[in-house]
Protein backbone atom coordinates (compact mmCIF):
# COMPACT_ATOMS: atom_id res chain seq x y z
CA MET A 1 35.88 57.05 -84.92
CA TYR A 2 33.55 60.04 -85.16
CA TYR A 3 31.88 59.55 -87.67
CA SER A 4 30.61 55.94 -87.76
CA LYS A 5 27.59 56.22 -87.19
CA LYS A 6 27.35 58.61 -90.54
CA ILE A 7 28.56 55.82 -92.34
CA LYS A 8 27.07 52.92 -91.50
CA ASP A 9 23.27 55.24 -92.88
CA ILE A 10 25.54 56.79 -95.63
CA MET A 11 25.59 52.34 -95.95
CA LYS A 12 22.61 51.52 -96.07
CA GLN A 13 21.53 53.41 -98.89
CA TRP A 14 24.40 52.48 -101.24
CA LYS A 15 23.60 49.62 -100.35
CA SER A 16 20.26 49.76 -100.79
CA GLU A 17 20.10 51.74 -104.25
CA ALA A 18 22.81 48.82 -105.64
CA ASN A 19 19.86 46.56 -104.83
CA ILE A 20 21.94 44.46 -103.05
CA LYS A 21 20.28 40.87 -100.26
CA GLY A 22 23.61 39.74 -99.14
CA VAL A 23 26.25 40.78 -96.62
CA VAL A 24 27.66 43.67 -96.68
CA LEU A 25 31.66 44.89 -94.29
CA TYR A 26 33.03 47.86 -94.24
CA ASN A 27 35.46 49.89 -92.84
CA VAL A 28 37.64 53.44 -92.67
CA LYS A 29 41.65 54.17 -92.49
CA GLU A 30 42.99 57.35 -92.24
CA HIS A 31 45.87 58.33 -93.56
CA TYR A 32 47.89 60.67 -94.70
CA ASN A 33 48.67 61.76 -98.70
CA ASP A 34 52.34 62.44 -100.21
CA ASN A 35 51.52 66.07 -99.32
CA ASN A 36 51.03 65.28 -94.87
CA GLU A 37 46.53 65.82 -95.59
CA THR A 38 44.47 63.27 -93.56
CA GLU A 39 42.75 61.00 -95.61
CA CYS A 40 39.84 58.04 -95.66
CA THR A 41 40.13 54.77 -97.23
CA LEU A 42 36.50 53.07 -97.71
CA TYR A 43 36.96 49.30 -97.67
CA ILE A 44 33.50 47.30 -98.40
CA SER A 45 33.92 43.74 -98.84
CA THR A 46 31.32 42.59 -100.82
CA ASN A 47 30.83 39.71 -103.40
CA SER A 48 29.17 41.81 -106.13
CA PRO A 49 31.56 44.96 -106.01
CA GLY A 50 29.81 45.79 -109.72
CA SER A 51 26.62 46.56 -108.36
CA PHE A 52 28.32 49.09 -105.23
CA ILE A 53 30.78 50.89 -108.62
CA GLY A 54 27.42 51.03 -110.54
CA PRO A 55 27.72 51.95 -115.01
CA MET A 56 30.90 53.41 -115.98
CA GLY A 57 31.35 54.00 -111.68
CA ASN A 58 28.94 56.50 -111.60
CA ARG A 59 27.00 55.31 -108.59
CA VAL A 60 31.30 54.59 -106.98
CA ALA A 61 32.24 58.56 -107.64
CA ASP A 62 28.58 59.80 -105.92
CA TYR A 63 28.84 57.87 -102.79
CA GLU A 64 33.24 58.51 -102.44
CA HIS A 65 32.08 61.79 -102.74
CA ARG A 66 28.49 62.12 -100.54
CA ILE A 67 30.80 60.69 -98.13
CA SER A 68 33.48 63.08 -98.11
CA LEU A 69 31.38 66.36 -97.90
CA LEU A 70 29.94 64.47 -94.14
CA ILE A 71 33.40 64.18 -92.78
CA GLY A 72 34.54 66.49 -94.44
CA LYS A 73 37.79 64.60 -96.01
CA ARG A 74 39.12 63.31 -99.36
CA VAL A 75 37.69 59.48 -99.57
CA LYS A 76 39.04 56.74 -102.08
CA VAL A 77 36.93 53.12 -101.97
CA HIS A 78 38.33 50.09 -102.28
CA PHE A 79 36.62 46.78 -103.11
CA ILE A 80 37.56 43.86 -102.12
CA GLU A 81 35.31 40.97 -104.16
CA THR A 82 34.96 38.15 -101.52
CA ALA A 83 32.75 34.70 -102.19
CA GLU A 84 29.34 33.84 -101.75
CA LEU A 85 28.28 32.29 -99.10
CA ILE A 86 26.62 29.21 -99.31
């Protein structure tokens, strides 16, 4: 995808703001919604999704908005909670 570098930079900011030290994996998939408009789902795999979400979901809403503005498409974030690495 042409905007993967931009999303990578935002993900680094988000990880830093959430004070995450471990491994975080992410993937973006484009799809069409019911109105036949293109939108994206950002899948984030982490063992601490609560830190990314922030108090009352404010942080995730902020970053959904930032990424949407950056790529020009509606973005929805979906977390996949992983086990801790040993």
